[in-house]
Amino acid sequence: MKNKIPSFATEDEERKFWSKSESTEYIDWSQSKNMVLPNLKPSTKKISIRLPEIMIDELKVLANKRDIPYQSLLKIYLSEKIHQELNSQ
């Protein structure tokens, strides 16, 4: 029999619990099923970054060619570079 998952007052409390606990002690993963969650969006965090104005202007030109906001294009470029760097190690 698996242990009972405790109740949590906050998400932070739950996050701390799962970061220190082994899920197999609480969940029978052999009973799990694959799911598709099409409306699930990743959590985002707002940051501030200083860039040269010319870089922003060039980014806006490139984004305009793709008909997307320049912030979205910047996220695409960052994602591609991060993926490339992580896979080259």
PDB file of N, CA and C in Angstrom:
ATOM      1  N   MET A   1       0.841  -1.188   0.000  1.00  0.00           N
ATOM      2  CA  MET A   1       0.000   0.000   0.000  1.00  0.00           C
ATOM      3  C   MET A   1       0.883   1.246   0.000  1.00  0.00           C
ATOM      4  N   LYS A   2       0.482   2.226  -0.785  1.00  0.00           N
ATOM      5  CA  LYS A   2       1.231   3.468  -0.912  1.00  0.00           C
ATOM      6  C   LYS A   2       0.891   4.417   0.231  1.00  0.00           C
ATOM      7  N   ASN A   3       1.841   5.304   0.545  1.00  0.00           N
ATOM      8  CA  ASN A   3       1.606   6.329   1.563  1.00  0.00           C
ATOM      9  C   ASN A   3       0.566   7.325   1.080  1.00  0.00           C
ATOM     10  N   LYS A   4      -0.150   7.929   2.009  1.00  0.00           N
ATOM     11  CA  LYS A   4      -1.155   8.938   1.659  1.00  0.00           C
ATOM     12  C   LYS A   4      -0.453  10.267   1.405  1.00  0.00           C
ATOM     13  N   ILE A   5      -0.818  10.922   0.310  1.00  0.00           N
ATOM     14  CA  ILE A   5      -0.246  12.231  -0.007  1.00  0.00           C
ATOM     15  C   ILE A   5      -0.835  13.243   0.975  1.00  0.00           C
ATOM     16  N   PRO A   6       0.013  14.019   1.646  1.00  0.00           N
ATOM     17  CA  PRO A   6      -0.502  15.003   2.607  1.00  0.00           C
ATOM     18  C   PRO A   6      -1.217  16.158   1.927  1.00  0.00           C
ATOM     19  N   SER A   7      -1.985  16.902   2.694  1.00  0.00           N
ATOM     20  CA  SER A   7      -2.629  18.116   2.195  1.00  0.00           C
ATOM     21  C   SER A   7      -1.641  19.269   2.295  1.00  0.00           C
ATOM     22  N   PHE A   8      -1.737  20.187   1.371  1.00  0.00           N
ATOM     23  CA  PHE A   8      -0.819  21.321   1.336  1.00  0.00           C
ATOM     24  C   PHE A   8      -1.603  22.620   1.384  1.00  0.00           C
ATOM     25  N   ALA A   9      -1.095  23.582   2.142  1.00  0.00           N
ATOM     26  CA  ALA A   9      -1.744  24.885   2.258  1.00  0.00           C
ATOM     27  C   ALA A   9      -1.422  25.770   1.049  1.00  0.00           C
ATOM     28  N   THR A  10      -0.222  25.600   0.497  1.00  0.00           N
ATOM     29  CA  THR A  10       0.211  26.436  -0.628  1.00  0.00           C
ATOM     30  C   THR A  10       0.948  25.585  -1.661  1.00  0.00           C
ATOM     31  N   GLU A  11       1.103  26.134  -2.855  1.00  0.00           N
ATOM     32  CA  GLU A  11       1.872  25.451  -3.886  1.00  0.00           C
ATOM     33  C   GLU A  11       3.339  25.365  -3.488  1.00  0.00           C
ATOM     34  N   ASP A  12       3.848  26.395  -2.823  1.00  0.00           N
ATOM     35  CA  ASP A  12       5.245  26.364  -2.374  1.00  0.00           C
ATOM     36  C   ASP A  12       5.477  25.212  -1.398  1.00  0.00           C
ATOM     37  N   GLU A  13       4.536  25.007  -0.511  1.00  0.00           N
ATOM     38  CA  GLU A  13       4.632  23.898   0.444  1.00  0.00           C
ATOM     39  C   GLU A  13       4.652  22.564  -0.300  1.00  0.00           C
ATOM     40  N   GLU A  14       3.782  22.432  -1.289  1.00  0.00           N
ATOM     41  CA  GLU A  14       3.737  21.191  -2.069  1.00  0.00           C
ATOM     42  C   GLU A  14       5.027  21.005  -2.861  1.00  0.00           C
ATOM     43  N   ARG A  15       5.531  22.088  -3.464  1.00  0.00           N
ATOM     44  CA  ARG A  15       6.767  22.034  -4.233  1.00  0.00           C
ATOM     45  C   ARG A  15       7.928  21.543  -3.360  1.00  0.00           C
ATOM     46  N   LYS A  16       8.016  22.075  -2.143  1.00  0.00           N
ATOM     47  CA  LYS A  16       9.076  21.664  -1.219  1.00  0.00           C
ATOM     48  C   LYS A  16       8.952  20.184  -0.871  1.00  0.00           C
ATOM     49  N   PHE A  17       7.725  19.736  -0.634  1.00  0.00           N
ATOM     50  CA  PHE A  17       7.490  18.331  -0.299  1.00  0.00           C
ATOM     51  C   PHE A  17       7.972  17.417  -1.420  1.00  0.00           C
ATOM     52  N   TRP A  18       7.548  17.704  -2.661  1.00  0.00           N
ATOM     53  CA  TRP A  18       7.889  16.820  -3.780  1.00  0.00           C
ATOM     54  C   TRP A  18       9.363  16.916  -4.147  1.00  0.00           C
ATOM     55  N   SER A  19      10.011  18.031  -3.835  1.00  0.00           N
ATOM     56  CA  SER A  19      11.443  18.134  -4.139  1.00  0.00           C
ATOM     57  C   SER A  19      12.276  17.237  -3.225  1.00  0.00           C
ATOM     58  N   LYS A  20      11.701  16.843  -2.072  1.00  0.00           N
ATOM     59  CA  LYS A  20      12.421  16.013  -1.109  1.00  0.00           C
ATOM     60  C   LYS A  20      11.844  14.600  -0.992  1.00  0.00           C
ATOM     61  N   SER A  21      10.760  14.317  -1.704  1.00  0.00           N
ATOM     62  CA  SER A  21      10.079  13.021  -1.572  1.00  0.00           C
ATOM     63  C   SER A  21      10.181  12.217  -2.856  1.00  0.00           C
ATOM     64  N   GLU A  22      10.129  10.925  -2.702  1.00  0.00           N
ATOM     65  CA  GLU A  22      10.131  10.005  -3.843  1.00  0.00           C
ATOM     66  C   GLU A  22       8.683   9.694  -4.210  1.00  0.00           C
ATOM     67  N   SER A  23       8.267  10.055  -5.414  1.00  0.00           N
ATOM     68  CA  SER A  23       6.866   9.913  -5.812  1.00  0.00           C
ATOM     69  C   SER A  23       6.391   8.463  -5.803  1.00  0.00           C
ATOM     70  N   THR A  24       7.298   7.524  -6.043  1.00  0.00           N
ATOM     71  CA  THR A  24       6.893   6.117  -6.082  1.00  0.00           C
ATOM     72  C   THR A  24       6.409   5.605  -4.720  1.00  0.00           C
ATOM     73  N   GLU A  25       6.717   6.349  -3.660  1.00  0.00           N
ATOM     74  CA  GLU A  25       6.222   5.979  -2.336  1.00  0.00           C
ATOM     75  C   GLU A  25       4.760   6.397  -2.153  1.00  0.00           C
ATOM     76  N   TYR A  26       4.257   7.236  -3.063  1.00  0.00           N
ATOM     77  CA  TYR A  26       2.906   7.771  -2.934  1.00  0.00           C
ATOM     78  C   TYR A  26       2.012   7.436  -4.129  1.00  0.00           C
ATOM     79  N   ILE A  27       2.615   7.179  -5.275  1.00  0.00           N
ATOM     80  CA  ILE A  27       1.848   6.995  -6.508  1.00  0.00           C
ATOM     81  C   ILE A  27       2.260   5.688  -7.173  1.00  0.00           C
ATOM     82  N   ASP A  28       1.273   4.924  -7.608  1.00  0.00           N
ATOM     83  CA  ASP A  28       1.541   3.698  -8.354  1.00  0.00           C
ATOM     84  C   ASP A  28       1.593   4.057  -9.839  1.00  0.00           C
ATOM     85  N   TRP A  29       2.802   4.303 -10.320  1.00  0.00           N
ATOM     86  CA  TRP A  29       2.974   4.768 -11.694  1.00  0.00           C
ATOM     87  C   TRP A  29       2.636   3.690 -12.724  1.00  0.00           C
ATOM     88  N   SER A  30       2.545   2.440 -12.327  1.00  0.00           N
ATOM     89  CA  SER A  30       2.181   1.387 -13.282  1.00  0.00           C
ATOM     90  C   SER A  30       0.725   1.549 -13.739  1.00  0.00           C
ATOM     91  N   GLN A  31      -0.050   2.298 -12.994  1.00  0.00           N
ATOM     92  CA  GLN A  31      -1.455   2.554 -13.345  1.00  0.00           C
ATOM     93  C   GLN A  31      -1.636   3.853 -14.143  1.00  0.00           C
ATOM     94  N   SER A  32      -0.536   4.549 -14.418  1.00  0.00           N
ATOM     95  CA  SER A  32      -0.641   5.851 -15.088  1.00  0.00           C
ATOM     96  C   SER A  32      -0.976   5.687 -16.573  1.00  0.00           C
ATOM     97  N   LYS A  33      -1.536   6.729 -17.137  1.00  0.00           N
ATOM     98  CA  LYS A  33      -1.886   6.765 -18.552  1.00  0.00           C
ATOM     99  C   LYS A  33      -1.335   8.043 -19.160  1.00  0.00           C
ATOM    100  N   ASN A  34      -0.953   7.988 -20.423  1.00  0.00           N
ATOM    101  CA  ASN A  34      -0.491   9.175 -21.131  1.00  0.00           C
ATOM    102  C   ASN A  34      -1.674  10.091 -21.398  1.00  0.00           C
ATOM    103  N   MET A  35      -1.416  11.387 -21.295  1.00  0.00           N
ATOM    104  CA  MET A  35      -2.455  12.376 -21.560  1.00  0.00           C
ATOM    105  C   MET A  35      -1.898  13.478 -22.438  1.00  0.00           C
ATOM    106  N   VAL A  36      -2.771  14.111 -23.168  1.00  0.00           N
ATOM    107  CA  VAL A  36      -2.418  15.291 -23.944  1.00  0.00           C
ATOM    108  C   VAL A  36      -3.151  16.465 -23.312  1.00  0.00           C
ATOM    109  N   LEU A  37      -2.403  17.502 -22.974  1.00  0.00           N
ATOM    110  CA  LEU A  37      -2.987  18.697 -22.359  1.00  0.00           C
ATOM    111  C   LEU A  37      -2.771  19.879 -23.301  1.00  0.00           C
ATOM    112  N   PRO A  38      -3.630  20.032 -24.294  1.00  0.00           N
ATOM    113  CA  PRO A  38      -3.391  21.026 -25.345  1.00  0.00           C
ATOM    114  C   PRO A  38      -3.456  22.476 -24.866  1.00  0.00           C
ATOM    115  N   ASN A  39      -4.142  22.754 -23.781  1.00  0.00           N
ATOM    116  CA  ASN A  39      -4.283  24.135 -23.322  1.00  0.00           C
ATOM    117  C   ASN A  39      -3.330  24.505 -22.196  1.00  0.00           C
ATOM    118  N   LEU A  40      -2.427  23.605 -21.863  1.00  0.00           N
ATOM    119  CA  LEU A  40      -1.478  23.862 -20.787  1.00  0.00           C
ATOM    120  C   LEU A  40      -0.394  24.813 -21.275  1.00  0.00           C
ATOM    121  N   LYS A  41      -0.215  25.902 -20.551  1.00  0.00           N
ATOM    122  CA  LYS A  41       0.807  26.879 -20.908  1.00  0.00           C
ATOM    123  C   LYS A  41       1.898  26.849 -19.847  1.00  0.00           C
ATOM    124  N   PRO A  42       3.148  26.947 -20.273  1.00  0.00           N
ATOM    125  CA  PRO A  42       4.222  26.957 -19.284  1.00  0.00           C
ATOM    126  C   PRO A  42       4.182  28.225 -18.430  1.00  0.00           C
ATOM    127  N   SER A  43       4.632  28.105 -17.218  1.00  0.00           N
ATOM    128  CA  SER A  43       4.710  29.270 -16.345  1.00  0.00           C
ATOM    129  C   SER A  43       5.716  30.256 -16.921  1.00  0.00           C
ATOM    130  N   THR A  44       5.430  31.513 -16.766  1.00  0.00           N
ATOM    131  CA  THR A  44       6.340  32.542 -17.256  1.00  0.00           C
ATOM    132  C   THR A  44       6.711  33.475 -16.120  1.00  0.00           C
ATOM    133  N   LYS A  45       7.830  34.135 -16.285  1.00  0.00           N
ATOM    134  CA  LYS A  45       8.293  35.109 -15.301  1.00  0.00           C
ATOM    135  C   LYS A  45       8.780  36.332 -16.054  1.00  0.00           C
ATOM    136  N   LYS A  46       8.354  37.476 -15.616  1.00  0.00           N
ATOM    137  CA  LYS A  46       8.742  38.721 -16.258  1.00  0.00           C
ATOM    138  C   LYS A  46      10.160  39.079 -15.833  1.00  0.00           C
ATOM    139  N   ILE A  47      10.988  39.457 -16.822  1.00  0.00           N
ATOM    140  CA  ILE A  47      12.342  39.908 -16.522  1.00  0.00           C
ATOM    141  C   ILE A  47      12.585  41.233 -17.224  1.00  0.00           C
ATOM    142  N   SER A  48      13.621  41.911 -16.805  1.00  0.00           N
ATOM    143  CA  SER A  48      14.022  43.142 -17.458  1.00  0.00           C
ATOM    144  C   SER A  48      15.398  42.917 -18.056  1.00  0.00           C
ATOM    145  N   ILE A  49      15.562  43.311 -19.310  1.00  0.00           N
ATOM    146  CA  ILE A  49      16.850  43.111 -19.985  1.00  0.00           C
ATOM    147  C   ILE A  49      17.161  44.371 -20.788  1.00  0.00           C
ATOM    148  N   ARG A  50      18.379  44.779 -20.714  1.00  0.00           N
ATOM    149  CA  ARG A  50      18.813  45.955 -21.477  1.00  0.00           C
ATOM    150  C   ARG A  50      19.525  45.487 -22.735  1.00  0.00           C
ATOM    151  N   LEU A  51      19.037  45.988 -23.868  1.00  0.00           N
ATOM    152  CA  LEU A  51      19.619  45.652 -25.162  1.00  0.00           C
ATOM    153  C   LEU A  51      19.910  46.942 -25.916  1.00  0.00           C
ATOM    154  N   PRO A  52      20.911  46.921 -26.772  1.00  0.00           N
ATOM    155  CA  PRO A  52      21.153  48.102 -27.605  1.00  0.00           C
ATOM    156  C   PRO A  52      19.935  48.380 -28.492  1.00  0.00           C
ATOM    157  N   GLU A  53      19.635  49.659 -28.669  1.00  0.00           N
ATOM    158  CA  GLU A  53      18.454  50.026 -29.464  1.00  0.00           C
ATOM    159  C   GLU A  53      18.514  49.456 -30.873  1.00  0.00           C
ATOM    160  N   ILE A  54      19.713  49.441 -31.462  1.00  0.00           N
ATOM    161  CA  ILE A  54      19.830  48.913 -32.823  1.00  0.00           C
ATOM    162  C   ILE A  54      19.453  47.435 -32.869  1.00  0.00           C
ATOM    163  N   MET A  55      19.790  46.700 -31.813  1.00  0.00           N
ATOM    164  CA  MET A  55      19.452  45.277 -31.762  1.00  0.00           C
ATOM    165  C   MET A  55      17.928  45.104 -31.700  1.00  0.00           C
ATOM    166  N   ILE A  56      17.276  45.932 -30.929  1.00  0.00           N
ATOM    167  CA  ILE A  56      15.813  45.866 -30.819  1.00  0.00           C
ATOM    168  C   ILE A  56      15.178  46.238 -32.154  1.00  0.00           C
ATOM    169  N   ASP A  57      15.716  47.264 -32.787  1.00  0.00           N
ATOM    170  CA  ASP A  57      15.182  47.681 -34.089  1.00  0.00           C
ATOM    171  C   ASP A  57      15.332  46.568 -35.127  1.00  0.00           C
ATOM    172  N   GLU A  58      16.488  45.920 -35.143  1.00  0.00           N
ATOM    173  CA  GLU A  58      16.705  44.825 -36.089  1.00  0.00           C
ATOM    174  C   GLU A  58      15.798  43.643 -35.769  1.00  0.00           C
ATOM    175  N   LEU A  59      15.612  43.379 -34.501  1.00  0.00           N
ATOM    176  CA  LEU A  59      14.709  42.306 -34.080  1.00  0.00           C
ATOM    177  C   LEU A  59      13.283  42.595 -34.538  1.00  0.00           C
ATOM    178  N   LYS A  60      12.863  43.851 -34.427  1.00  0.00           N
ATOM    179  CA  LYS A  60      11.523  44.239 -34.868  1.00  0.00           C
ATOM    180  C   LYS A  60      11.360  44.058 -36.374  1.00  0.00           C
ATOM    181  N   VAL A  61      12.397  44.355 -37.141  1.00  0.00           N
ATOM    182  CA  VAL A  61      12.342  44.160 -38.594  1.00  0.00           C
ATOM    183  C   VAL A  61      12.168  42.677 -38.916  1.00  0.00           C
ATOM    184  N   LEU A  62      12.984  41.843 -38.265  1.00  0.00           N
ATOM    185  CA  LEU A  62      12.893  40.396 -38.504  1.00  0.00           C
ATOM    186  C   LEU A  62      11.539  39.833 -38.066  1.00  0.00           C
ATOM    187  N   ALA A  63      11.043  40.318 -36.940  1.00  0.00           N
ATOM    188  CA  ALA A  63       9.744  39.851 -36.445  1.00  0.00           C
ATOM    189  C   ALA A  63       8.623  40.276 -37.380  1.00  0.00           C
ATOM    190  N   ASN A  64       8.733  41.476 -37.912  1.00  0.00           N
ATOM    191  CA  ASN A  64       7.719  41.986 -38.834  1.00  0.00           C
ATOM    192  C   ASN A  64       7.644  41.113 -40.086  1.00  0.00           C
ATOM    193  N   LYS A  65       8.783  40.615 -40.540  1.00  0.00           N
ATOM    194  CA  LYS A  65       8.800  39.730 -41.711  1.00  0.00           C
ATOM    195  C   LYS A  65       8.056  38.428 -41.433  1.00  0.00           C
ATOM    196  N   ARG A  66       8.067  37.999 -40.177  1.00  0.00           N
ATOM    197  CA  ARG A  66       7.363  36.763 -39.786  1.00  0.00           C
ATOM    198  C   ARG A  66       5.948  37.052 -39.280  1.00  0.00           C
ATOM    199  N   ASP A  67       5.619  38.319 -39.171  1.00  0.00           N
ATOM    200  CA  ASP A  67       4.308  38.748 -38.679  1.00  0.00           C
ATOM    201  C   ASP A  67       4.041  38.243 -37.250  1.00  0.00           C
ATOM    202  N   ILE A  68       5.061  38.401 -36.397  1.00  0.00           N
ATOM    203  CA  ILE A  68       4.934  38.053 -34.984  1.00  0.00           C
ATOM    204  C   ILE A  68       5.514  39.186 -34.145  1.00  0.00           C
ATOM    205  N   PRO A  69       5.115  39.300 -32.891  1.00  0.00           N
ATOM    206  CA  PRO A  69       5.708  40.324 -32.021  1.00  0.00           C
ATOM    207  C   PRO A  69       7.208  40.063 -31.818  1.00  0.00           C
ATOM    208  N   TYR A  70       7.971  41.147 -31.686  1.00  0.00           N
ATOM    209  CA  TYR A  70       9.418  40.964 -31.557  1.00  0.00           C
ATOM    210  C   TYR A  70       9.796  40.240 -30.269  1.00  0.00           C
ATOM    211  N   GLN A  71       8.988  40.377 -29.215  1.00  0.00           N
ATOM    212  CA  GLN A  71       9.273  39.647 -27.971  1.00  0.00           C
ATOM    213  C   GLN A  71       9.156  38.130 -28.208  1.00  0.00           C
ATOM    214  N   SER A  72       8.185  37.736 -29.024  1.00  0.00           N
ATOM    215  CA  SER A  72       8.011  36.311 -29.346  1.00  0.00           C
ATOM    216  C   SER A  72       9.193  35.794 -30.142  1.00  0.00           C
ATOM    217  N   LEU A  73       9.672  36.598 -31.075  1.00  0.00           N
ATOM    218  CA  LEU A  73      10.834  36.186 -31.862  1.00  0.00           C
ATOM    219  C   LEU A  73      12.062  36.068 -30.965  1.00  0.00           C
ATOM    220  N   LEU A  74      12.209  36.965 -30.033  1.00  0.00           N
ATOM    221  CA  LEU A  74      13.326  36.900 -29.092  1.00  0.00           C
ATOM    222  C   LEU A  74      13.257  35.606 -28.277  1.00  0.00           C
ATOM    223  N   LYS A  75      12.066  35.218 -27.843  1.00  0.00           N
ATOM    224  CA  LYS A  75      11.904  33.959 -27.106  1.00  0.00           C
ATOM    225  C   LYS A  75      12.261  32.767 -27.988  1.00  0.00           C
ATOM    226  N   ILE A  76      11.892  32.818 -29.260  1.00  0.00           N
ATOM    227  CA  ILE A  76      12.231  31.735 -30.186  1.00  0.00           C
ATOM    228  C   ILE A  76      13.746  31.619 -30.316  1.00  0.00           C
ATOM    229  N   TYR A  77      14.413  32.751 -30.523  1.00  0.00           N
ATOM    230  CA  TYR A  77      15.870  32.739 -30.660  1.00  0.00           C
ATOM    231  C   TYR A  77      16.541  32.218 -29.394  1.00  0.00           C
ATOM    232  N   LEU A  78      16.092  32.665 -28.244  1.00  0.00           N
ATOM    233  CA  LEU A  78      16.663  32.196 -26.980  1.00  0.00           C
ATOM    234  C   LEU A  78      16.452  30.689 -26.809  1.00  0.00           C
ATOM    235  N   SER A  79      15.257  30.239 -27.104  1.00  0.00           N
ATOM    236  CA  SER A  79      14.936  28.819 -26.975  1.00  0.00           C
ATOM    237  C   SER A  79      15.819  27.975 -27.883  1.00  0.00           C
ATOM    238  N   GLU A  80      15.988  28.400 -29.130  1.00  0.00           N
ATOM    239  CA  GLU A  80      16.822  27.661 -30.077  1.00  0.00           C
ATOM    240  C   GLU A  80      18.266  27.593 -29.598  1.00  0.00           C
ATOM    241  N   LYS A  81      18.786  28.708 -29.124  1.00  0.00           N
ATOM    242  CA  LYS A  81      20.178  28.747 -28.673  1.00  0.00           C
ATOM    243  C   LYS A  81      20.376  27.905 -27.405  1.00  0.00           C
ATOM    244  N   ILE A  82      19.445  27.974 -26.484  1.00  0.00           N
ATOM    245  CA  ILE A  82      19.522  27.162 -25.265  1.00  0.00           C
ATOM    246  C   ILE A  82      19.508  25.683 -25.632  1.00  0.00           C
ATOM    247  N   HIS A  83      18.585  25.305 -26.495  1.00  0.00           N
ATOM    248  CA  HIS A  83      18.490  23.908 -26.935  1.00  0.00           C
ATOM    249  C   HIS A  83      19.797  23.465 -27.605  1.00  0.00           C
ATOM    250  N   GLN A  84      20.326  24.304 -28.457  1.00  0.00           N
ATOM    251  CA  GLN A  84      21.586  24.007 -29.159  1.00  0.00           C
ATOM    252  C   GLN A  84      22.727  23.822 -28.166  1.00  0.00           C
ATOM    253  N   GLU A  85      22.850  24.721 -27.213  1.00  0.00           N
ATOM    254  CA  GLU A  85      23.933  24.645 -26.226  1.00  0.00           C
ATOM    255  C   GLU A  85      23.797  23.399 -25.338  1.00  0.00           C
ATOM    256  N   LEU A  86      22.586  23.093 -24.911  1.00  0.00           N
ATOM    257  CA  LEU A  86      22.386  21.933 -24.044  1.00  0.00           C
ATOM    258  C   LEU A  86      22.677  20.628 -24.771  1.00  0.00           C
ATOM    259  N   ASN A  87      22.379  20.578 -26.065  1.00  0.00           N
ATOM    260  CA  ASN A  87      22.601  19.352 -26.826  1.00  0.00           C
ATOM    261  C   ASN A  87      24.035  19.194 -27.316  1.00  0.00           C
ATOM    262  N   SER A  88      24.829  20.242 -27.217  1.00  0.00           N
ATOM    263  CA  SER A  88      26.224  20.155 -27.690  1.00  0.00           C
ATOM    264  C   SER A  88      27.183  19.710 -26.590  1.00  0.00           C
ATOM    265  N   GLN A  89      26.677  19.541 -25.386  1.00  0.00           N
ATOM    266  CA  GLN A  89      27.548  19.153 -24.264  1.00  0.00           C
ATOM    267  C   GLN A  89      27.712  17.671 -24.179  1.00  0.00           C
TER     268      GLN A  89
END
